[in-house]
PDB file of all heavy atoms in Angstrom:
ATOM      1  N   GLU A   1      -1.805  11.084  15.458  1.00  0.00           N
ATOM      2  CA  GLU A   1      -0.913  12.178  15.768  1.00  0.00           C
ATOM      3  C   GLU A   1      -0.789  13.069  14.529  1.00  0.00           C
ATOM      4  O   GLU A   1      -1.022  12.581  13.392  1.00  0.00           O
ATOM      5  CB  GLU A   1       0.476  11.615  16.150  1.00  0.00           C
ATOM      6  CG  GLU A   1       0.432  10.618  17.282  1.00  0.00           C
ATOM      7  CD  GLU A   1       1.717   9.824  17.388  1.00  0.00           C
ATOM      8  OE1 GLU A   1       2.571   9.922  16.461  1.00  0.00           O
ATOM      9  OE2 GLU A   1       1.883   9.066  18.384  1.00  0.00           O
ATOM     10  N   PRO A   2      -0.407  14.315  14.692  1.00  0.00           N
ATOM     11  CA  PRO A   2      -0.212  15.164  13.509  1.00  0.00           C
ATOM     12  C   PRO A   2       0.737  14.567  12.501  1.00  0.00           C
ATOM     13  O   PRO A   2       0.574  14.790  11.264  1.00  0.00           O
ATOM     14  CB  PRO A   2       0.305  16.471  14.117  1.00  0.00           C
ATOM     15  CG  PRO A   2      -0.236  16.489  15.489  1.00  0.00           C
ATOM     16  CD  PRO A   2      -0.253  15.055  15.959  1.00  0.00           C
ATOM     17  N   GLU A   3       1.716  13.802  12.958  1.00  0.00           N
ATOM     18  CA  GLU A   3       2.649  13.150  12.063  1.00  0.00           C
ATOM     19  C   GLU A   3       2.017  12.058  11.184  1.00  0.00           C
ATOM     20  O   GLU A   3       2.631  11.615  10.223  1.00  0.00           O
ATOM     21  CB  GLU A   3       3.824  12.530  12.851  1.00  0.00           C
ATOM     22  CG  GLU A   3       4.697  13.516  13.577  1.00  0.00           C
ATOM     23  CD  GLU A   3       4.090  14.170  14.771  1.00  0.00           C
ATOM     24  OE1 GLU A   3       3.141  13.575  15.337  1.00  0.00           O
ATOM     25  OE2 GLU A   3       4.495  15.297  15.133  1.00  0.00           O
ATOM     26  N   ASP A   4       0.805  11.681  11.493  1.00  0.00           N
ATOM     27  CA  ASP A   4       0.078  10.695  10.669  1.00  0.00           C
ATOM     28  C   ASP A   4      -0.601  11.376   9.481  1.00  0.00           C
ATOM     29  O   ASP A   4      -1.217  10.669   8.653  1.00  0.00           O
ATOM     30  CB  ASP A   4      -0.967   9.953  11.516  1.00  0.00           C
ATOM     31  CG  ASP A   4      -0.318   9.101  12.587  1.00  0.00           C
ATOM     32  OD1 ASP A   4       0.650   8.379  12.296  1.00  0.00           O
ATOM     33  OD2 ASP A   4      -0.812   9.164  13.746  1.00  0.00           O
ATOM     34  N   THR A   5      -0.579  12.661   9.426  1.00  0.00           N
ATOM     35  CA  THR A   5      -1.175  13.388   8.289  1.00  0.00           C
ATOM     36  C   THR A   5      -0.478  12.961   6.987  1.00  0.00           C
ATOM     37  O   THR A   5       0.745  13.118   6.878  1.00  0.00           O
ATOM     38  CB  THR A   5      -1.102  14.874   8.506  1.00  0.00           C
ATOM     39  OG1 THR A   5      -1.853  15.275   9.651  1.00  0.00           O
ATOM     40  CG2 THR A   5      -1.581  15.627   7.278  1.00  0.00           C
ATOM     41  N   ALA A   6      -1.286  12.513   6.042  1.00  0.00           N
ATOM     42  CA  ALA A   6      -0.714  12.038   4.777  1.00  0.00           C
ATOM     43  C   ALA A   6      -1.841  11.634   3.873  1.00  0.00           C
ATOM     44  O   ALA A   6      -3.020  11.567   4.285  1.00  0.00           O
ATOM     45  CB  ALA A   6       0.196  10.816   5.012  1.00  0.00           C
ATOM     46  N   VAL A   7      -1.494  11.318   2.627  1.00  0.00           N
ATOM     47  CA  VAL A   7      -2.465  10.609   1.741  1.00  0.00           C
ATOM     48  C   VAL A   7      -2.238   9.133   1.928  1.00  0.00           C
ATOM     49  O   VAL A   7      -1.113   8.639   1.840  1.00  0.00           O
ATOM     50  CB  VAL A   7      -2.201  11.031   0.238  1.00  0.00           C
ATOM     51  CG1 VAL A   7      -3.140  10.254  -0.616  1.00  0.00           C
ATOM     52  CG2 VAL A   7      -2.399  12.526   0.105  1.00  0.00           C
ATOM     53  N   TYR A   8      -3.308   8.443   2.195  1.00  0.00           N
ATOM     54  CA  TYR A   8      -3.248   7.005   2.465  1.00  0.00           C
ATOM     55  C   TYR A   8      -3.742   6.259   1.231  1.00  0.00           C
ATOM     56  O   TYR A   8      -4.791   6.505   0.687  1.00  0.00           O
ATOM     57  CB  TYR A   8      -4.136   6.668   3.656  1.00  0.00           C
ATOM     58  CG  TYR A   8      -3.492   7.037   4.965  1.00  0.00           C
ATOM     59  CD1 TYR A   8      -3.310   8.406   5.312  1.00  0.00           C
ATOM     60  CD2 TYR A   8      -3.025   6.074   5.838  1.00  0.00           C
ATOM     61  CE1 TYR A   8      -2.684   8.761   6.506  1.00  0.00           C
ATOM     62  CE2 TYR A   8      -2.413   6.451   7.044  1.00  0.00           C
ATOM     63  CZ  TYR A   8      -2.245   7.760   7.327  1.00  0.00           C
ATOM     64  OH  TYR A   8      -1.635   8.098   8.512  1.00  0.00           O
ATOM     65  N   TYR A   9      -2.878   5.290   0.794  1.00  0.00           N
ATOM     66  CA  TYR A   9      -3.157   4.563  -0.432  1.00  0.00           C
ATOM     67  C   TYR A   9      -3.346   3.080  -0.114  1.00  0.00           C
ATOM     68  O   TYR A   9      -2.688   2.498   0.751  1.00  0.00           O
ATOM     69  CB  TYR A   9      -1.952   4.635  -1.389  1.00  0.00           C
ATOM     70  CG  TYR A   9      -1.706   6.032  -1.948  1.00  0.00           C
ATOM     71  CD1 TYR A   9      -0.769   6.858  -1.286  1.00  0.00           C
ATOM     72  CD2 TYR A   9      -2.328   6.496  -3.044  1.00  0.00           C
ATOM     73  CE1 TYR A   9      -0.496   8.135  -1.787  1.00  0.00           C
ATOM     74  CE2 TYR A   9      -2.085   7.756  -3.545  1.00  0.00           C
ATOM     75  CZ  TYR A   9      -1.159   8.565  -2.902  1.00  0.00           C
ATOM     76  OH  TYR A   9      -0.886   9.827  -3.407  1.00  0.00           O
ATOM     77  N   CYS A  10      -4.297   2.521  -0.802  1.00  0.00           N
ATOM     78  CA  CYS A  10      -4.551   1.086  -0.791  1.00  0.00           C
ATOM     79  C   CYS A  10      -4.058   0.464  -2.089  1.00  0.00           C
ATOM     80  O   CYS A  10      -4.141   1.086  -3.134  1.00  0.00           O
ATOM     81  CB  CYS A  10      -6.101   0.918  -0.670  1.00  0.00           C
ATOM     82  SG  CYS A  10      -6.626  -0.773  -0.624  1.00  0.00           S
ATOM     83  N   ALA A  11      -3.462  -0.705  -1.967  1.00  0.00           N
ATOM     84  CA  ALA A  11      -2.901  -1.326  -3.115  1.00  0.00           C
ATOM     85  C   ALA A  11      -3.076  -2.835  -3.068  1.00  0.00           C
ATOM     86  O   ALA A  11      -3.037  -3.449  -1.997  1.00  0.00           O
ATOM     87  CB  ALA A  11      -1.390  -1.005  -3.204  1.00  0.00           C
ATOM     88  N   ALA A  12      -3.285  -3.433  -4.218  1.00  0.00           N
ATOM     89  CA  ALA A  12      -3.526  -4.882  -4.318  1.00  0.00           C
ATOM     90  C   ALA A  12      -2.327  -5.557  -4.958  1.00  0.00           C
ATOM     91  O   ALA A  12      -1.767  -5.103  -5.961  1.00  0.00           O
ATOM     92  CB  ALA A  12      -4.779  -5.161  -5.161  1.00  0.00           C
ATOM     93  N   ASP A  13      -1.963  -6.691  -4.363  1.00  0.00           N
ATOM     94  CA  ASP A  13      -0.915  -7.580  -4.847  1.00  0.00           C
ATOM     95  C   ASP A  13      -1.577  -8.834  -5.363  1.00  0.00           C
ATOM     96  O   ASP A  13      -2.256  -9.521  -4.598  1.00  0.00           O
ATOM     97  CB  ASP A  13       0.076  -7.880  -3.707  1.00  0.00           C
ATOM     98  CG  ASP A  13       1.110  -8.900  -4.078  1.00  0.00           C
ATOM     99  OD1 ASP A  13       1.246  -9.242  -5.255  1.00  0.00           O
ATOM    100  OD2 ASP A  13       1.833  -9.330  -3.152  1.00  0.00           O
ATOM    101  N   ARG A  14      -1.335  -9.201  -6.620  1.00  0.00           N
ATOM    102  CA  ARG A  14      -2.011 -10.328  -7.198  1.00  0.00           C
ATOM    103  C   ARG A  14      -1.625 -11.668  -6.586  1.00  0.00           C
ATOM    104  O   ARG A  14      -2.248 -12.684  -6.781  1.00  0.00           O
ATOM    105  CB  ARG A  14      -1.806 -10.389  -8.729  1.00  0.00           C
ATOM    106  CG  ARG A  14      -2.613  -9.338  -9.460  1.00  0.00           C
ATOM    107  CD  ARG A  14      -2.335  -9.397 -10.950  1.00  0.00           C
ATOM    108  NE  ARG A  14      -0.950  -8.998 -11.235  1.00  0.00           N
ATOM    109  CZ  ARG A  14      -0.473  -8.941 -12.467  1.00  0.00           C
ATOM    110  NH1 ARG A  14      -1.210  -9.269 -13.490  1.00  0.00           N
ATOM    111  NH2 ARG A  14       0.766  -8.502 -12.647  1.00  0.00           N
ATOM    112  N   PHE A  15      -0.529 -11.681  -5.780  1.00  0.00           N
ATOM    113  CA  PHE A  15      -0.173 -12.868  -5.043  1.00  0.00           C
ATOM    114  C   PHE A  15      -0.954 -12.882  -3.731  1.00  0.00           C
ATOM    115  O   PHE A  15      -0.949 -11.912  -2.998  1.00  0.00           O
ATOM    116  CB  PHE A  15       1.334 -12.880  -4.774  1.00  0.00           C
ATOM    117  CG  PHE A  15       1.846 -14.161  -4.268  1.00  0.00           C
ATOM    118  CD1 PHE A  15       2.050 -15.221  -5.161  1.00  0.00           C
ATOM    119  CD2 PHE A  15       2.130 -14.361  -2.924  1.00  0.00           C
ATOM    120  CE1 PHE A  15       2.522 -16.421  -4.668  1.00  0.00           C
ATOM    121  CE2 PHE A  15       2.644 -15.584  -2.465  1.00  0.00           C
ATOM    122  CZ  PHE A  15       2.815 -16.594  -3.340  1.00  0.00           C
ATOM    123  N   PRO A  16      -1.701 -13.952  -3.433  1.00  0.00           N
ATOM    124  CA  PRO A  16      -2.674 -13.908  -2.315  1.00  0.00           C
ATOM    125  C   PRO A  16      -2.064 -14.012  -0.933  1.00  0.00           C
ATOM    126  O   PRO A  16      -2.732 -13.676   0.044  1.00  0.00           O
ATOM    127  CB  PRO A  16      -3.563 -15.080  -2.600  1.00  0.00           C
ATOM    128  CG  PRO A  16      -2.712 -16.059  -3.351  1.00  0.00           C
ATOM    129  CD  PRO A  16      -1.822 -15.223  -4.177  1.00  0.00           C
ATOM    130  N   ARG A  17      -0.840 -14.456  -0.816  1.00  0.00           N
ATOM    131  CA  ARG A  17      -0.219 -14.614   0.501  1.00  0.00           C
ATOM    132  C   ARG A  17       0.813 -13.538   0.721  1.00  0.00           C
ATOM    133  O   ARG A  17       1.380 -12.969  -0.204  1.00  0.00           O
ATOM    134  CB  ARG A  17       0.427 -16.032   0.622  1.00  0.00           C
ATOM    135  CG  ARG A  17      -0.619 -17.142   0.568  1.00  0.00           C
ATOM    136  CD  ARG A  17       0.061 -18.517   0.838  1.00  0.00           C
ATOM    137  NE  ARG A  17       0.994 -18.876  -0.187  1.00  0.00           N
ATOM    138  CZ  ARG A  17       0.694 -19.419  -1.333  1.00  0.00           C
ATOM    139  NH1 ARG A  17      -0.587 -19.705  -1.618  1.00  0.00           N
ATOM    140  NH2 ARG A  17       1.628 -19.762  -2.198  1.00  0.00           N
ATOM    141  N   LEU A  18       1.053 -13.259   2.000  1.00  0.00           N
ATOM    142  CA  LEU A  18       2.054 -12.256   2.343  1.00  0.00           C
ATOM    143  C   LEU A  18       3.455 -12.863   2.180  1.00  0.00           C
ATOM    144  O   LEU A  18       3.661 -14.030   2.339  1.00  0.00           O
ATOM    145  CB  LEU A  18       1.898 -11.777   3.797  1.00  0.00           C
ATOM    146  CG  LEU A  18       0.567 -11.087   4.129  1.00  0.00           C
ATOM    147  CD1 LEU A  18       0.616 -10.481   5.503  1.00  0.00           C
ATOM    148  CD2 LEU A  18       0.248 -10.014   3.073  1.00  0.00           C
ATOM    149  N   ARG A  19       4.357 -12.011   1.816  1.00  0.00           N
ATOM    150  CA  ARG A  19       5.755 -12.402   1.636  1.00  0.00           C
ATOM    151  C   ARG A  19       6.634 -11.496   2.464  1.00  0.00           C
ATOM    152  O   ARG A  19       6.196 -10.456   2.940  1.00  0.00           O
ATOM    153  CB  ARG A  19       6.121 -12.303   0.136  1.00  0.00           C
ATOM    154  CG  ARG A  19       5.311 -13.253  -0.733  1.00  0.00           C
ATOM    155  CD  ARG A  19       5.515 -12.965  -2.217  1.00  0.00           C
ATOM    156  NE  ARG A  19       4.635 -11.940  -2.684  1.00  0.00           N
ATOM    157  CZ  ARG A  19       4.601 -11.543  -3.959  1.00  0.00           C
ATOM    158  NH1 ARG A  19       5.425 -12.065  -4.833  1.00  0.00           N
ATOM    159  NH2 ARG A  19       3.744 -10.628  -4.350  1.00  0.00           N
ATOM    160  N   SER A  20       7.904 -11.829   2.558  1.00  0.00           N
ATOM    161  CA  SER A  20       8.828 -11.029   3.311  1.00  0.00           C
ATOM    162  C   SER A  20       8.954  -9.636   2.722  1.00  0.00           C
ATOM    163  O   SER A  20       9.320  -8.692   3.396  1.00  0.00           O
ATOM    164  CB  SER A  20      10.195 -11.695   3.391  1.00  0.00           C
ATOM    165  OG  SER A  20      10.729 -11.898   2.070  1.00  0.00           O
ATOM    166  N   CYS A  21       8.651  -9.486   1.424  1.00  0.00           N
ATOM    167  CA  CYS A  21       8.774  -8.223   0.750  1.00  0.00           C
ATOM    168  C   CYS A  21       7.447  -7.469   0.680  1.00  0.00           C
ATOM    169  O   CYS A  21       7.341  -6.502  -0.077  1.00  0.00           O
ATOM    170  CB  CYS A  21       9.364  -8.411  -0.635  1.00  0.00           C
ATOM    171  SG  CYS A  21       8.464  -9.582  -1.634  1.00  0.00           S
ATOM    172  N   SER A  22       6.463  -7.909   1.404  1.00  0.00           N
ATOM    173  CA  SER A  22       5.107  -7.294   1.293  1.00  0.00           C
ATOM    174  C   SER A  22       5.087  -5.861   1.731  1.00  0.00           C
ATOM    175  O   SER A  22       4.100  -5.172   1.578  1.00  0.00           O
ATOM    176  CB  SER A  22       4.094  -8.127   2.053  1.00  0.00           C
ATOM    177  OG  SER A  22       3.836  -9.342   1.412  1.00  0.00           O
ATOM    178  N   GLY A  23       6.147  -5.398   2.388  1.00  0.00           N
ATOM    179  CA  GLY A  23       6.204  -3.991   2.772  1.00  0.00           C
ATOM    180  C   GLY A  23       6.755  -3.073   1.712  1.00  0.00           C
ATOM    181  O   GLY A  23       6.802  -1.846   1.907  1.00  0.00           O
ATOM    182  N   PHE A  24       7.192  -3.594   0.586  1.00  0.00           N
ATOM    183  CA  PHE A  24       7.748  -2.792  -0.465  1.00  0.00           C
ATOM    184  C   PHE A  24       6.657  -2.374  -1.485  1.00  0.00           C
ATOM    185  O   PHE A  24       6.018  -3.247  -2.083  1.00  0.00           O
ATOM    186  CB  PHE A  24       8.876  -3.532  -1.202  1.00  0.00           C
ATOM    187  CG  PHE A  24      10.069  -3.787  -0.333  1.00  0.00           C
ATOM    188  CD1 PHE A  24      10.247  -4.927   0.371  1.00  0.00           C
ATOM    189  CD2 PHE A  24      11.033  -2.765  -0.211  1.00  0.00           C
ATOM    190  CE1 PHE A  24      11.350  -5.132   1.183  1.00  0.00           C
ATOM    191  CE2 PHE A  24      12.158  -2.959   0.571  1.00  0.00           C
ATOM    192  CZ  PHE A  24      12.280  -4.134   1.274  1.00  0.00           C
ATOM    193  N   TYR A  25       6.525  -1.085  -1.679  1.00  0.00           N
ATOM    194  CA  TYR A  25       5.403  -0.610  -2.501  1.00  0.00           C
ATOM    195  C   TYR A  25       5.514  -1.092  -3.977  1.00  0.00           C
ATOM    196  O   TYR A  25       4.503  -1.279  -4.612  1.00  0.00           O
ATOM    197  CB  TYR A  25       5.287   0.890  -2.446  1.00  0.00           C
ATOM    198  CG  TYR A  25       6.328   1.648  -3.170  1.00  0.00           C
ATOM    199  CD1 TYR A  25       6.194   2.040  -4.485  1.00  0.00           C
ATOM    200  CD2 TYR A  25       7.535   2.069  -2.498  1.00  0.00           C
ATOM    201  CE1 TYR A  25       7.146   2.766  -5.132  1.00  0.00           C
ATOM    202  CE2 TYR A  25       8.479   2.791  -3.137  1.00  0.00           C
ATOM    203  CZ  TYR A  25       8.289   3.146  -4.474  1.00  0.00           C
ATOM    204  OH  TYR A  25       9.250   3.865  -5.114  1.00  0.00           O
ATOM    205  N   ARG A  26       6.727  -1.346  -4.438  1.00  0.00           N
ATOM    206  CA  ARG A  26       6.862  -1.757  -5.817  1.00  0.00           C
ATOM    207  C   ARG A  26       6.296  -3.176  -6.071  1.00  0.00           C
ATOM    208  O   ARG A  26       6.125  -3.615  -7.209  1.00  0.00           O
ATOM    209  CB  ARG A  26       8.354  -1.736  -6.216  1.00  0.00           C
ATOM    210  CG  ARG A  26       8.928  -0.340  -6.284  1.00  0.00           C
ATOM    211  CD  ARG A  26      10.347  -0.358  -6.851  1.00  0.00           C
ATOM    212  NE  ARG A  26      10.937   0.942  -6.801  1.00  0.00           N
ATOM    213  CZ  ARG A  26      10.777   1.878  -7.729  1.00  0.00           C
ATOM    214  NH1 ARG A  26      10.020   1.648  -8.777  1.00  0.00           N
ATOM    215  NH2 ARG A  26      11.366   3.045  -7.616  1.00  0.00           N
ATOM    216  N   LEU A  27       5.980  -3.899  -5.006  1.00  0.00           N
ATOM    217  CA  LEU A  27       5.458  -5.254  -5.145  1.00  0.00           C
ATOM    218  C   LEU A  27       4.029  -5.214  -5.658  1.00  0.00           C
ATOM    219  O   LEU A  27       3.561  -6.175  -6.248  1.00  0.00           O
ATOM    220  CB  LEU A  27       5.486  -5.942  -3.780  1.00  0.00           C
ATOM    221  CG  LEU A  27       4.993  -7.379  -3.705  1.00  0.00           C
ATOM    222  CD1 LEU A  27       5.983  -8.288  -4.376  1.00  0.00           C
ATOM    223  CD2 LEU A  27       4.756  -7.765  -2.253  1.00  0.00           C
ATOM    224  N   TYR A  28       3.304  -4.130  -5.406  1.00  0.00           N
ATOM    225  CA  TYR A  28       1.885  -4.071  -5.608  1.00  0.00           C
ATOM    226  C   TYR A  28       1.549  -3.660  -7.028  1.00  0.00           C
ATOM    227  O   TYR A  28       2.197  -2.842  -7.669  1.00  0.00           O
ATOM    228  CB  TYR A  28       1.244  -3.121  -4.601  1.00  0.00           C
ATOM    229  CG  TYR A  28       1.369  -3.667  -3.221  1.00  0.00           C
ATOM    230  CD1 TYR A  28       2.519  -3.578  -2.517  1.00  0.00           C
ATOM    231  CD2 TYR A  28       0.291  -4.373  -2.645  1.00  0.00           C
ATOM    232  CE1 TYR A  28       2.683  -4.123  -1.207  1.00  0.00           C
ATOM    233  CE2 TYR A  28       0.428  -4.898  -1.364  1.00  0.00           C
ATOM    234  CZ  TYR A  28       1.609  -4.790  -0.678  1.00  0.00           C
ATOM    235  OH  TYR A  28       1.723  -5.331   0.575  1.00  0.00           O
ATOM    236  N   ASP A  29       0.460  -4.309  -7.535  1.00  0.00           N
ATOM    237  CA  ASP A  29       0.136  -4.193  -8.936  1.00  0.00           C
ATOM    238  C   ASP A  29      -0.904  -3.096  -9.228  1.00  0.00           C
ATOM    239  O   ASP A  29      -0.875  -2.485 -10.306  1.00  0.00           O
ATOM    240  CB  ASP A  29      -0.414  -5.533  -9.451  1.00  0.00           C
ATOM    241  CG  ASP A  29       0.547  -6.662  -9.223  1.00  0.00           C
ATOM    242  OD1 ASP A  29       1.593  -6.668  -9.890  1.00  0.00           O
ATOM    243  OD2 ASP A  29       0.263  -7.516  -8.348  1.00  0.00           O
ATOM    244  N   TYR A  30      -1.807  -2.906  -8.329  1.00  0.00           N
ATOM    245  CA  TYR A  30      -2.897  -1.947  -8.531  1.00  0.00           C
ATOM    246  C   TYR A  30      -3.024  -1.014  -7.348  1.00  0.00           C
ATOM    247  O   TYR A  30      -2.978  -1.440  -6.212  1.00  0.00           O
ATOM    248  CB  TYR A  30      -4.219  -2.689  -8.756  1.00  0.00           C
ATOM    249  CG  TYR A  30      -4.146  -3.712  -9.836  1.00  0.00           C
ATOM    250  CD1 TYR A  30      -4.047  -5.084  -9.525  1.00  0.00           C
ATOM    251  CD2 TYR A  30      -4.141  -3.380 -11.191  1.00  0.00           C
ATOM    252  CE1 TYR A  30      -3.975  -6.069 -10.509  1.00  0.00           C
ATOM    253  CE2 TYR A  30      -4.052  -4.321 -12.159  1.00  0.00           C
ATOM    254  CZ  TYR A  30      -3.977  -5.671 -11.842  1.00  0.00           C
ATOM    255  OH  TYR A  30      -3.917  -6.619 -12.815  1.00  0.00           O
ATOM    256  N   TRP A  31      -3.268   0.254  -7.657  1.00  0.00           N
ATOM    257  CA  TRP A  31      -3.319   1.298  -6.613  1.00  0.00           C
ATOM    258  C   TRP A  31      -4.610   2.110  -6.722  1.00  0.00           C
ATOM    259  O   TRP A  31      -5.101   2.359  -7.814  1.00  0.00           O
ATOM    260  CB  TRP A  31      -2.113   2.222  -6.764  1.00  0.00           C
ATOM    261  CG  TRP A  31      -0.811   1.601  -6.397  1.00  0.00           C
ATOM    262  CD1 TRP A  31      -0.033   0.754  -7.165  1.00  0.00           C
ATOM    263  CD2 TRP A  31      -0.148   1.703  -5.144  1.00  0.00           C
ATOM    264  NE1 TRP A  31       1.049   0.366  -6.448  1.00  0.00           N
ATOM    265  CE2 TRP A  31       1.024   0.916  -5.226  1.00  0.00           C
ATOM    266  CE3 TRP A  31      -0.406   2.374  -3.945  1.00  0.00           C
ATOM    267  CZ2 TRP A  31       1.919   0.789  -4.159  1.00  0.00           C
ATOM    268  CZ3 TRP A  31       0.480   2.237  -2.914  1.00  0.00           C
ATOM    269  CH2 TRP A  31       1.632   1.453  -3.002  1.00  0.00           C
ATOM    270  N   GLY A  32      -5.032   2.518  -5.556  1.00  0.00           N
ATOM    271  CA  GLY A  32      -6.164   3.459  -5.493  1.00  0.00           C
ATOM    272  C   GLY A  32      -5.663   4.898  -5.662  1.00  0.00           C
ATOM    273  O   GLY A  32      -4.428   5.152  -5.757  1.00  0.00           O
ATOM    274  N   GLN A  33      -6.582   5.826  -5.666  1.00  0.00           N
ATOM    275  CA  GLN A  33      -6.240   7.214  -5.865  1.00  0.00           C
ATOM    276  C   GLN A  33      -5.768   7.894  -4.562  1.00  0.00           C
ATOM    277  O   GLN A  33      -5.200   8.993  -4.608  1.00  0.00           O
ATOM    278  CB  GLN A  33      -7.468   7.987  -6.402  1.00  0.00           C
ATOM    279  CG  GLN A  33      -7.860   7.561  -7.815  1.00  0.00           C
ATOM    280  CD  GLN A  33      -6.764   7.840  -8.793  1.00  0.00           C
ATOM    281  OE1 GLN A  33      -6.252   8.927  -8.880  1.00  0.00           O
ATOM    282  NE2 GLN A  33      -6.365   6.813  -9.550  1.00  0.00           N
ATOM    283  N   GLY A  34      -6.020   7.278  -3.462  1.00  0.00           N
ATOM    284  CA  GLY A  34      -5.587   7.854  -2.215  1.00  0.00           C
ATOM    285  C   GLY A  34      -6.677   8.552  -1.450  1.00  0.00           C
ATOM    286  O   GLY A  34      -7.637   9.070  -2.054  1.00  0.00           O
ATOM    287  N   ALA A  35      -6.561   8.579  -0.135  1.00  0.00           N
ATOM    288  CA  ALA A  35      -7.512   9.264   0.738  1.00  0.00           C
ATOM    289  C   ALA A  35      -6.728  10.141   1.698  1.00  0.00           C
ATOM    290  O   ALA A  35      -5.795   9.668   2.363  1.00  0.00           O
ATOM    291  CB  ALA A  35      -8.343   8.266   1.534  1.00  0.00           C
ATOM    292  N   GLN A  36      -7.092  11.415   1.745  1.00  0.00           N
ATOM    293  CA  GLN A  36      -6.368  12.361   2.622  1.00  0.00           C
ATOM    294  C   GLN A  36      -6.825  12.154   4.055  1.00  0.00           C
ATOM    295  O   GLN A  36      -8.018  12.160   4.371  1.00  0.00           O
ATOM    296  CB  GLN A  36      -6.645  13.773   2.174  1.00  0.00           C
ATOM    297  CG  GLN A  36      -6.012  14.838   3.044  1.00  0.00           C
ATOM    298  CD  GLN A  36      -4.491  14.845   2.937  1.00  0.00           C
ATOM    299  OE1 GLN A  36      -3.960  14.855   1.857  1.00  0.00           O
ATOM    300  NE2 GLN A  36      -3.808  14.909   4.096  1.00  0.00           N
TER     301      GLN A  36
END
């Protein structure tokens, strides 16, 4: 949908399992430059 227009970022969390806070961007350690 047009509302999906954004820069999409990929990020890596050094902890290998998902956690209840895995939706918080501050959890992630490394980020890509983004894809429009």
